[in-house]
Amino acid sequence: MYTDYFLKFTDEAEANAALFTEQTNVQDDVVETVLVPKYAAVDVVGVIYKPTGNVLTTPEGKVPEMAPLEGWHVNVRHTDEAPELEAFRVFPATPARMWA
C-alpha cells in the first residue's frame, strides 16, 4: 500500500531540502555529493505550464501560448503516511502528471 502526494514548493531548493538528504561519496580522491530520496519514489515535475487561451503564430504554425504556474511541483509515492509533507500538499483537479 502506498500513499501518493501532489506537492507544491516555492522553488527547487525548498523541495530538495524537504525530499532529499545529501550524501557525500569519496572515491579515488574525487568528492561527489548526491541527493538521496527520503521517500519510496520521488517524481520531480518542476514548473508546470498551462495554456493562456491565446494562440501564437510561429514559423512552424499556430501554437497555444503557455504560461508557468507558480511553484515547483513534485509527486511523491511513499510506503507510509508522511505528515511532514502536509504543509506542501495540494489537491489538483486535473494533475499534470500522476503515478501509473
PDB file of N, CA and C in Angstrom:
ATOM      1  N   MET A   1       0.836  -1.181   0.000  1.00  0.00           N
ATOM      2  CA  MET A   1       0.000   0.000   0.000  1.00  0.00           C
ATOM      3  C   MET A   1       0.882   1.246   0.000  1.00  0.00           C
ATOM      4  N   TYR A   2       0.520   2.196  -0.841  1.00  0.00           N
ATOM      5  CA  TYR A   2       1.273   3.437  -0.949  1.00  0.00           C
ATOM      6  C   TYR A   2       0.368   4.627  -0.646  1.00  0.00           C
ATOM      7  N   THR A   3       0.986   5.715  -0.230  1.00  0.00           N
ATOM      8  CA  THR A   3       0.304   6.995  -0.116  1.00  0.00           C
ATOM      9  C   THR A   3       0.933   7.922  -1.144  1.00  0.00           C
ATOM     10  N   ASP A   4       0.078   8.524  -1.997  1.00  0.00           N
ATOM     11  CA  ASP A   4       0.560   9.437  -3.029  1.00  0.00           C
ATOM     12  C   ASP A   4       0.334  10.882  -2.599  1.00  0.00           C
ATOM     13  N   TYR A   5       1.320  11.722  -2.883  1.00  0.00           N
ATOM     14  CA  TYR A   5       1.257  13.140  -2.556  1.00  0.00           C
ATOM     15  C   TYR A   5       1.549  13.971  -3.794  1.00  0.00           C
ATOM     16  N   PHE A   6       0.693  14.960  -4.072  1.00  0.00           N
ATOM     17  CA  PHE A   6       0.985  16.017  -5.046  1.00  0.00           C
ATOM     18  C   PHE A   6       1.479  17.181  -4.213  1.00  0.00           C
ATOM     19  N   LEU A   7       2.703  17.652  -4.483  1.00  0.00           N
ATOM     20  CA  LEU A   7       3.319  18.674  -3.648  1.00  0.00           C
ATOM     21  C   LEU A   7       3.680  19.905  -4.461  1.00  0.00           C
ATOM     22  N   LYS A   8       3.562  21.060  -3.810  1.00  0.00           N
ATOM     23  CA  LYS A   8       3.939  22.330  -4.419  1.00  0.00           C
ATOM     24  C   LYS A   8       4.850  23.073  -3.449  1.00  0.00           C
ATOM     25  N   PHE A   9       6.042  23.409  -3.939  1.00  0.00           N
ATOM     26  CA  PHE A   9       7.031  24.135  -3.156  1.00  0.00           C
ATOM     27  C   PHE A   9       7.254  25.510  -3.776  1.00  0.00           C
ATOM     28  N   THR A  10       7.873  26.396  -3.027  1.00  0.00           N
ATOM     29  CA  THR A  10       8.208  27.714  -3.545  1.00  0.00           C
ATOM     30  C   THR A  10       9.190  27.603  -4.699  1.00  0.00           C
ATOM     31  N   ASP A  11      10.203  26.735  -4.531  1.00  0.00           N
ATOM     32  CA  ASP A  11      11.228  26.576  -5.562  1.00  0.00           C
ATOM     33  C   ASP A  11      11.904  25.221  -5.401  1.00  0.00           C
ATOM     34  N   GLU A  12      12.831  24.940  -6.290  1.00  0.00           N
ATOM     35  CA  GLU A  12      13.532  23.652  -6.283  1.00  0.00           C
ATOM     36  C   GLU A  12      14.334  23.446  -5.001  1.00  0.00           C
ATOM     37  N   ALA A  13      14.962  24.491  -4.491  1.00  0.00           N
ATOM     38  CA  ALA A  13      15.771  24.377  -3.273  1.00  0.00           C
ATOM     39  C   ALA A  13      14.922  23.941  -2.085  1.00  0.00           C
ATOM     40  N   GLU A  14      13.725  24.520  -1.959  1.00  0.00           N
ATOM     41  CA  GLU A  14      12.839  24.130  -0.859  1.00  0.00           C
ATOM     42  C   GLU A  14      12.419  22.669  -1.005  1.00  0.00           C
ATOM     43  N   ALA A  15      12.126  22.239  -2.229  1.00  0.00           N
ATOM     44  CA  ALA A  15      11.739  20.850  -2.475  1.00  0.00           C
ATOM     45  C   ALA A  15      12.882  19.900  -2.125  1.00  0.00           C
ATOM     46  N   ASN A  16      14.078  20.235  -2.586  1.00  0.00           N
ATOM     47  CA  ASN A  16      15.233  19.379  -2.313  1.00  0.00           C
ATOM     48  C   ASN A  16      15.492  19.241  -0.819  1.00  0.00           C
ATOM     49  N   ALA A  17      15.341  20.317  -0.083  1.00  0.00           N
ATOM     50  CA  ALA A  17      15.566  20.279   1.367  1.00  0.00           C
ATOM     51  C   ALA A  17      14.547  19.377   2.069  1.00  0.00           C
ATOM     52  N   ALA A  18      13.313  19.370   1.574  1.00  0.00           N
ATOM     53  CA  ALA A  18      12.261  18.571   2.196  1.00  0.00           C
ATOM     54  C   ALA A  18      12.284  17.102   1.771  1.00  0.00           C
ATOM     55  N   LEU A  19      12.733  16.817   0.564  1.00  0.00           N
ATOM     56  CA  LEU A  19      12.561  15.482  -0.012  1.00  0.00           C
ATOM     57  C   LEU A  19      13.827  14.641  -0.111  1.00  0.00           C
ATOM     58  N   PHE A  20      14.974  15.277   0.028  1.00  0.00           N
ATOM     59  CA  PHE A  20      16.234  14.557  -0.182  1.00  0.00           C
ATOM     60  C   PHE A  20      17.209  14.796   0.961  1.00  0.00           C
ATOM     61  N   THR A  21      18.132  13.868   1.112  1.00  0.00           N
ATOM     62  CA  THR A  21      19.258  14.002   2.020  1.00  0.00           C
ATOM     63  C   THR A  21      20.518  14.039   1.169  1.00  0.00           C
ATOM     64  N   GLU A  22      21.441  14.935   1.494  1.00  0.00           N
ATOM     65  CA  GLU A  22      22.708  14.980   0.764  1.00  0.00           C
ATOM     66  C   GLU A  22      23.634  13.896   1.293  1.00  0.00           C
ATOM     67  N   GLN A  23      24.239  13.173   0.368  1.00  0.00           N
ATOM     68  CA  GLN A  23      25.198  12.141   0.725  1.00  0.00           C
ATOM     69  C   GLN A  23      26.499  12.426  -0.006  1.00  0.00           C
ATOM     70  N   THR A  24      27.595  12.420   0.720  1.00  0.00           N
ATOM     71  CA  THR A  24      28.896  12.682   0.111  1.00  0.00           C
ATOM     72  C   THR A  24      29.639  11.366  -0.070  1.00  0.00           C
ATOM     73  N   ASN A  25      30.075  11.121  -1.295  1.00  0.00           N
ATOM     74  CA  ASN A  25      30.847   9.929  -1.616  1.00  0.00           C
ATOM     75  C   ASN A  25      32.253  10.357  -2.007  1.00  0.00           C
ATOM     76  N   VAL A  26      33.249   9.620  -1.518  1.00  0.00           N
ATOM     77  CA  VAL A  26      34.638   9.880  -1.884  1.00  0.00           C
ATOM     78  C   VAL A  26      35.212   8.602  -2.472  1.00  0.00           C
ATOM     79  N   GLN A  27      35.706   8.719  -3.719  1.00  0.00           N
ATOM     80  CA  GLN A  27      36.321   7.573  -4.366  1.00  0.00           C
ATOM     81  C   GLN A  27      37.503   8.066  -5.189  1.00  0.00           C
ATOM     82  N   ASP A  28      38.668   7.504  -4.938  1.00  0.00           N
ATOM     83  CA  ASP A  28      39.889   7.904  -5.643  1.00  0.00           C
ATOM     84  C   ASP A  28      40.115   9.411  -5.566  1.00  0.00           C
ATOM     85  N   ASP A  29      39.946   9.977  -4.374  1.00  0.00           N
ATOM     86  CA  ASP A  29      40.148  11.404  -4.113  1.00  0.00           C
ATOM     87  C   ASP A  29      39.165  12.309  -4.848  1.00  0.00           C
ATOM     88  N   VAL A  30      38.097  11.734  -5.384  1.00  0.00           N
ATOM     89  CA  VAL A  30      37.046  12.517  -6.025  1.00  0.00           C
ATOM     90  C   VAL A  30      35.864  12.575  -5.065  1.00  0.00           C
ATOM     91  N   VAL A  31      35.450  13.805  -4.738  1.00  0.00           N
ATOM     92  CA  VAL A  31      34.328  14.004  -3.826  1.00  0.00           C
ATOM     93  C   VAL A  31      33.095  14.307  -4.661  1.00  0.00           C
ATOM     94  N   GLU A  32      32.037  13.536  -4.395  1.00  0.00           N
ATOM     95  CA  GLU A  32      30.782  13.714  -5.127  1.00  0.00           C
ATOM     96  C   GLU A  32      29.640  13.791  -4.124  1.00  0.00           C
ATOM     97  N   THR A  33      28.797  14.794  -4.278  1.00  0.00           N
ATOM     98  CA  THR A  33      27.616  14.924  -3.426  1.00  0.00           C
ATOM     99  C   THR A  33      26.387  14.567  -4.255  1.00  0.00           C
ATOM    100  N   VAL A  34      25.597  13.642  -3.735  1.00  0.00           N
ATOM    101  CA  VAL A  34      24.386  13.216  -4.432  1.00  0.00           C
ATOM    102  C   VAL A  34      23.185  13.411  -3.515  1.00  0.00           C
ATOM    103  N   LEU A  35      22.018  13.564  -4.130  1.00  0.00           N
ATOM    104  CA  LEU A  35      20.773  13.678  -3.372  1.00  0.00           C
ATOM    105  C   LEU A  35      20.118  12.307  -3.296  1.00  0.00           C
ATOM    106  N   VAL A  36      19.816  11.870  -2.082  1.00  0.00           N
ATOM    107  CA  VAL A  36      19.195  10.575  -1.851  1.00  0.00           C
ATOM    108  C   VAL A  36      17.762  10.820  -1.384  1.00  0.00           C
ATOM    109  N   PRO A  37      16.762  10.247  -2.073  1.00  0.00           N
ATOM    110  CA  PRO A  37      15.366  10.481  -1.680  1.00  0.00           C
ATOM    111  C   PRO A  37      15.055   9.939  -0.290  1.00  0.00           C
ATOM    112  N   LYS A  38      14.228  10.678   0.438  1.00  0.00           N
ATOM    113  CA  LYS A  38      13.770  10.248   1.752  1.00  0.00           C
ATOM    114  C   LYS A  38      12.532   9.351   1.651  1.00  0.00           C
ATOM    115  N   TYR A  39      11.970   9.257   0.446  1.00  0.00           N
ATOM    116  CA  TYR A  39      10.702   8.555   0.252  1.00  0.00           C
ATOM    117  C   TYR A  39      10.848   7.473  -0.805  1.00  0.00           C
ATOM    118  N   ALA A  40       9.881   6.572  -0.886  1.00  0.00           N
ATOM    119  CA  ALA A  40       9.958   5.421  -1.784  1.00  0.00           C
ATOM    120  C   ALA A  40      10.156   5.838  -3.236  1.00  0.00           C
ATOM    121  N   ALA A  41       9.429   6.839  -3.693  1.00  0.00           N
ATOM    122  CA  ALA A  41       9.557   7.302  -5.078  1.00  0.00           C
ATOM    123  C   ALA A  41       9.297   8.803  -5.124  1.00  0.00           C
ATOM    124  N   VAL A  42      10.165   9.510  -5.841  1.00  0.00           N
ATOM    125  CA  VAL A  42      10.035  10.959  -5.991  1.00  0.00           C
ATOM    126  C   VAL A  42      10.054  11.272  -7.489  1.00  0.00           C
ATOM    127  N   ASP A  43       8.996  11.931  -7.968  1.00  0.00           N
ATOM    128  CA  ASP A  43       8.875  12.319  -9.372  1.00  0.00           C
ATOM    129  C   ASP A  43       8.887  13.836  -9.433  1.00  0.00           C
ATOM    130  N   VAL A  44      10.018  14.400  -9.834  1.00  0.00           N
ATOM    131  CA  VAL A  44      10.149  15.854  -9.915  1.00  0.00           C
ATOM    132  C   VAL A  44       9.482  16.317 -11.211  1.00  0.00           C
ATOM    133  N   VAL A  45       8.387  17.050 -11.078  1.00  0.00           N
ATOM    134  CA  VAL A  45       7.664  17.594 -12.223  1.00  0.00           C
ATOM    135  C   VAL A  45       8.268  18.946 -12.591  1.00  0.00           C
ATOM    136  N   GLY A  46       8.634  19.732 -11.593  1.00  0.00           N
ATOM    137  CA  GLY A  46       9.217  21.048 -11.828  1.00  0.00           C
ATOM    138  C   GLY A  46       8.154  22.093 -12.093  1.00  0.00           C
ATOM    139  N   VAL A  47       8.407  22.948 -13.065  1.00  0.00           N
ATOM    140  CA  VAL A  47       7.458  24.008 -13.424  1.00  0.00           C
ATOM    141  C   VAL A  47       6.385  23.401 -14.332  1.00  0.00           C
ATOM    142  N   ILE A  48       5.142  23.717 -14.046  1.00  0.00           N
ATOM    143  CA  ILE A  48       4.022  23.264 -14.878  1.00  0.00           C
ATOM    144  C   ILE A  48       3.545  24.447 -15.712  1.00  0.00           C
ATOM    145  N   TYR A  49       3.328  24.196 -16.984  1.00  0.00           N
ATOM    146  CA  TYR A  49       2.848  25.225 -17.904  1.00  0.00           C
ATOM    147  C   TYR A  49       1.424  24.915 -18.326  1.00  0.00           C
ATOM    148  N   LYS A  50       0.591  25.942 -18.371  1.00  0.00           N
ATOM    149  CA  LYS A  50      -0.805  25.815 -18.793  1.00  0.00           C
ATOM    150  C   LYS A  50      -1.081  26.817 -19.909  1.00  0.00           C
ATOM    151  N   PRO A  51      -2.001  26.467 -20.834  1.00  0.00           N
ATOM    152  CA  PRO A  51      -2.359  27.406 -21.908  1.00  0.00           C
ATOM    153  C   PRO A  51      -3.016  28.669 -21.353  1.00  0.00           C
ATOM    154  N   THR A  52      -2.698  29.807 -21.963  1.00  0.00           N
ATOM    155  CA  THR A  52      -3.293  31.080 -21.541  1.00  0.00           C
ATOM    156  C   THR A  52      -4.618  31.355 -22.240  1.00  0.00           C
ATOM    157  N   GLY A  53      -4.872  30.613 -23.320  1.00  0.00           N
ATOM    158  CA  GLY A  53      -6.052  30.885 -24.143  1.00  0.00           C
ATOM    159  C   GLY A  53      -5.705  31.649 -25.403  1.00  0.00           C
ATOM    160  N   ASN A  54      -4.498  32.205 -25.453  1.00  0.00           N
ATOM    161  CA  ASN A  54      -4.022  32.915 -26.645  1.00  0.00           C
ATOM    162  C   ASN A  54      -3.335  31.937 -27.598  1.00  0.00           C
ATOM    163  N   VAL A  55      -3.335  32.277 -28.867  1.00  0.00           N
ATOM    164  CA  VAL A  55      -2.654  31.475 -29.878  1.00  0.00           C
ATOM    165  C   VAL A  55      -1.551  32.318 -30.500  1.00  0.00           C
ATOM    166  N   LEU A  56      -0.351  31.723 -30.608  1.00  0.00           N
ATOM    167  CA  LEU A  56       0.795  32.401 -31.192  1.00  0.00           C
ATOM    168  C   LEU A  56       1.049  31.851 -32.591  1.00  0.00           C
ATOM    169  N   THR A  57       1.463  32.719 -33.486  1.00  0.00           N
ATOM    170  CA  THR A  57       1.838  32.288 -34.827  1.00  0.00           C
ATOM    171  C   THR A  57       3.353  32.217 -34.892  1.00  0.00           C
ATOM    172  N   THR A  58       3.879  31.040 -35.216  1.00  0.00           N
ATOM    173  CA  THR A  58       5.315  30.816 -35.300  1.00  0.00           C
ATOM    174  C   THR A  58       5.642  30.317 -36.711  1.00  0.00           C
ATOM    175  N   PRO A  59       6.908  30.231 -37.058  1.00  0.00           N
ATOM    176  CA  PRO A  59       7.267  29.680 -38.373  1.00  0.00           C
ATOM    177  C   PRO A  59       6.744  28.251 -38.570  1.00  0.00           C
ATOM    178  N   GLU A  60       6.541  27.529 -37.476  1.00  0.00           N
ATOM    179  CA  GLU A  60       6.029  26.158 -37.553  1.00  0.00           C
ATOM    180  C   GLU A  60       4.505  26.106 -37.621  1.00  0.00           C
ATOM    181  N   GLY A  61       3.849  27.232 -37.411  1.00  0.00           N
ATOM    182  CA  GLY A  61       2.385  27.273 -37.426  1.00  0.00           C
ATOM    183  C   GLY A  61       1.835  27.912 -36.170  1.00  0.00           C
ATOM    184  N   LYS A  62       0.568  27.702 -35.934  1.00  0.00           N
ATOM    185  CA  LYS A  62      -0.091  28.276 -34.753  1.00  0.00           C
ATOM    186  C   LYS A  62       0.067  27.319 -33.570  1.00  0.00           C
ATOM    187  N   VAL A  63       0.432  27.900 -32.440  1.00  0.00           N
ATOM    188  CA  VAL A  63       0.624  27.116 -31.220  1.00  0.00           C
ATOM    189  C   VAL A  63      -0.010  27.861 -30.052  1.00  0.00           C
ATOM    190  N   PRO A  64      -0.497  27.114 -29.061  1.00  0.00           N
ATOM    191  CA  PRO A  64      -1.064  27.794 -27.897  1.00  0.00           C
ATOM    192  C   PRO A  64       0.023  28.470 -27.072  1.00  0.00           C
ATOM    193  N   GLU A  65      -0.277  29.662 -26.586  1.00  0.00           N
ATOM    194  CA  GLU A  65       0.642  30.348 -25.678  1.00  0.00           C
ATOM    195  C   GLU A  65       0.554  29.657 -24.315  1.00  0.00           C
ATOM    196  N   MET A  66       1.711  29.422 -23.717  1.00  0.00           N
ATOM    197  CA  MET A  66       1.766  28.742 -22.418  1.00  0.00           C
ATOM    198  C   MET A  66       2.364  29.683 -21.375  1.00  0.00           C
ATOM    199  N   ALA A  67       1.879  29.573 -20.150  1.00  0.00           N
ATOM    200  CA  ALA A  67       2.394  30.381 -19.044  1.00  0.00           C
ATOM    201  C   ALA A  67       2.697  29.459 -17.861  1.00  0.00           C
ATOM    202  N   PRO A  68       3.763  29.747 -17.131  1.00  0.00           N
ATOM    203  CA  PRO A  68       4.104  28.901 -15.986  1.00  0.00           C
ATOM    204  C   PRO A  68       3.157  29.134 -14.816  1.00  0.00           C
ATOM    205  N   LEU A  69       2.825  28.043 -14.130  1.00  0.00           N
ATOM    206  CA  LEU A  69       2.098  28.152 -12.868  1.00  0.00           C
ATOM    207  C   LEU A  69       3.115  28.423 -11.766  1.00  0.00           C
ATOM    208  N   GLU A  70       2.676  29.032 -10.730  1.00  0.00           N
ATOM    209  CA  GLU A  70       3.545  29.352  -9.600  1.00  0.00           C
ATOM    210  C   GLU A  70       4.000  28.067  -8.916  1.00  0.00           C
ATOM    211  N   GLY A  71       5.258  28.027  -8.521  1.00  0.00           N
ATOM    212  CA  GLY A  71       5.755  26.940  -7.689  1.00  0.00           C
ATOM    213  C   GLY A  71       6.577  25.900  -8.415  1.00  0.00           C
ATOM    214  N   TRP A  72       7.142  24.999  -7.620  1.00  0.00           N
ATOM    215  CA  TRP A  72       7.933  23.856  -8.087  1.00  0.00           C
ATOM    216  C   TRP A  72       7.186  22.613  -7.636  1.00  0.00           C
ATOM    217  N   HIS A  73       6.833  21.763  -8.567  1.00  0.00           N
ATOM    218  CA  HIS A  73       5.912  20.662  -8.305  1.00  0.00           C
ATOM    219  C   HIS A  73       6.630  19.311  -8.284  1.00  0.00           C
ATOM    220  N   VAL A  74       6.251  18.484  -7.324  1.00  0.00           N
ATOM    221  CA  VAL A  74       6.842  17.160  -7.160  1.00  0.00           C
ATOM    222  C   VAL A  74       5.746  16.197  -6.712  1.00  0.00           C
ATOM    223  N   ASN A  75       5.778  14.987  -7.262  1.00  0.00           N
ATOM    224  CA  ASN A  75       4.887  13.926  -6.806  1.00  0.00           C
ATOM    225  C   ASN A  75       5.709  12.940  -5.986  1.00  0.00           C
ATOM    226  N   VAL A  76       5.152  12.500  -4.874  1.00  0.00           N
ATOM    227  CA  VAL A  76       5.837  11.539  -4.006  1.00  0.00           C
ATOM    228  C   VAL A  76       4.905  10.357  -3.777  1.00  0.00           C
ATOM    229  N   ARG A  77       5.466   9.163  -3.899  1.00  0.00           N
ATOM    230  CA  ARG A  77       4.762   7.942  -3.516  1.00  0.00           C
ATOM    231  C   ARG A  77       5.576   7.337  -2.387  1.00  0.00           C
ATOM    232  N   HIS A  78       4.895   7.085  -1.264  1.00  0.00           N
ATOM    233  CA  HIS A  78       5.611   6.588  -0.090  1.00  0.00           C
ATOM    234  C   HIS A  78       4.882   5.382   0.483  1.00  0.00           C
ATOM    235  N   THR A  79       5.646   4.535   1.151  1.00  0.00           N
ATOM    236  CA  THR A  79       5.097   3.297   1.703  1.00  0.00           C
ATOM    237  C   THR A  79       4.266   3.514   2.954  1.00  0.00           C
ATOM    238  N   ASP A  80       4.255   4.712   3.452  1.00  0.00           N
ATOM    239  CA  ASP A  80       3.506   5.032   4.667  1.00  0.00           C
ATOM    240  C   ASP A  80       3.048   6.477   4.563  1.00  0.00           C
ATOM    241  N   GLU A  81       2.267   6.928   5.512  1.00  0.00           N
ATOM    242  CA  GLU A  81       1.886   8.332   5.526  1.00  0.00           C
ATOM    243  C   GLU A  81       3.098   9.170   5.928  1.00  0.00           C
ATOM    244  N   ALA A  82       3.153  10.388   5.397  1.00  0.00           N
ATOM    245  CA  ALA A  82       4.270  11.294   5.685  1.00  0.00           C
ATOM    246  C   ALA A  82       3.692  12.643   6.105  1.00  0.00           C
ATOM    247  N   PRO A  83       3.286  12.791   7.361  1.00  0.00           N
ATOM    248  CA  PRO A  83       2.650  14.032   7.815  1.00  0.00           C
ATOM    249  C   PRO A  83       3.515  15.274   7.622  1.00  0.00           C
ATOM    250  N   GLU A  84       4.826  15.109   7.555  1.00  0.00           N
ATOM    251  CA  GLU A  84       5.725  16.253   7.352  1.00  0.00           C
ATOM    252  C   GLU A  84       5.560  16.875   5.968  1.00  0.00           C
ATOM    253  N   LEU A  85       4.892  16.171   5.047  1.00  0.00           N
ATOM    254  CA  LEU A  85       4.659  16.707   3.704  1.00  0.00           C
ATOM    255  C   LEU A  85       3.342  17.478   3.577  1.00  0.00           C
ATOM    256  N   GLU A  86       2.498  17.409   4.574  1.00  0.00           N
ATOM    257  CA  GLU A  86       1.163  18.033   4.501  1.00  0.00           C
ATOM    258  C   GLU A  86       1.226  19.539   4.230  1.00  0.00           C
ATOM    259  N   ALA A  87       2.247  20.209   4.723  1.00  0.00           N
ATOM    260  CA  ALA A  87       2.360  21.663   4.510  1.00  0.00           C
ATOM    261  C   ALA A  87       2.543  22.015   3.037  1.00  0.00           C
ATOM    262  N   PHE A  88       2.996  21.054   2.229  1.00  0.00           N
ATOM    263  CA  PHE A  88       3.253  21.291   0.810  1.00  0.00           C
ATOM    264  C   PHE A  88       2.211  20.627  -0.092  1.00  0.00           C
ATOM    265  N   ARG A  89       1.308  19.886   0.494  1.00  0.00           N
ATOM    266  CA  ARG A  89       0.351  19.076  -0.273  1.00  0.00           C
ATOM    267  C   ARG A  89      -0.705  19.943  -0.957  1.00  0.00           C
ATOM    268  N   VAL A  90      -0.983  19.606  -2.213  1.00  0.00           N
ATOM    269  CA  VAL A  90      -2.047  20.245  -2.973  1.00  0.00           C
ATOM    270  C   VAL A  90      -2.932  19.144  -3.551  1.00  0.00           C
ATOM    271  N   PHE A  91      -4.137  19.513  -3.943  1.00  0.00           N
ATOM    272  CA  PHE A  91      -5.098  18.545  -4.457  1.00  0.00           C
ATOM    273  C   PHE A  91      -5.607  19.022  -5.819  1.00  0.00           C
ATOM    274  N   PRO A  92      -4.797  18.856  -6.873  1.00  0.00           N
ATOM    275  CA  PRO A  92      -5.196  19.353  -8.195  1.00  0.00           C
ATOM    276  C   PRO A  92      -6.392  18.573  -8.756  1.00  0.00           C
ATOM    277  N   ALA A  93      -7.325  19.296  -9.380  1.00  0.00           N
ATOM    278  CA  ALA A  93      -8.481  18.651 -10.006  1.00  0.00           C
ATOM    279  C   ALA A  93      -8.038  17.821 -11.209  1.00  0.00           C
ATOM    280  N   THR A  94      -7.065  18.335 -11.949  1.00  0.00           N
ATOM    281  CA  THR A  94      -6.524  17.616 -13.109  1.00  0.00           C
ATOM    282  C   THR A  94      -5.002  17.656 -13.030  1.00  0.00           C
ATOM    283  N   PRO A  95      -4.391  16.656 -12.388  1.00  0.00           N
ATOM    284  CA  PRO A  95      -2.943  16.653 -12.239  1.00  0.00           C
ATOM    285  C   PRO A  95      -2.212  16.672 -13.577  1.00  0.00           C
ATOM    286  N   ALA A  96      -1.100  17.397 -13.639  1.00  0.00           N
ATOM    287  CA  ALA A  96      -0.287  17.454 -14.852  1.00  0.00           C
ATOM    288  C   ALA A  96       0.392  16.112 -15.099  1.00  0.00           C
ATOM    289  N   ARG A  97       0.717  15.404 -14.017  1.00  0.00           N
ATOM    290  CA  ARG A  97       1.352  14.087 -14.119  1.00  0.00           C
ATOM    291  C   ARG A  97       1.010  13.318 -12.867  1.00  0.00           C
ATOM    292  N   MET A  98       0.801  12.011 -13.015  1.00  0.00           N
ATOM    293  CA  MET A  98       0.481  11.169 -11.865  1.00  0.00           C
ATOM    294  C   MET A  98       1.068   9.779 -12.034  1.00  0.00           C
ATOM    295  N   TRP A  99       1.058   9.011 -10.958  1.00  0.00           N
ATOM    296  CA  TRP A  99       1.602   7.657 -10.990  1.00  0.00           C
ATOM    297  C   TRP A  99       0.705   6.759 -11.828  1.00  0.00           C
ATOM    298  N   ALA A 100       1.313   5.849 -12.553  1.00  0.00           N
ATOM    299  CA  ALA A 100       0.558   4.895 -13.384  1.00  0.00           C
ATOM    300  C   ALA A 100       0.008   3.779 -12.534  1.00  0.00           C
TER     301      ALA A 100
END
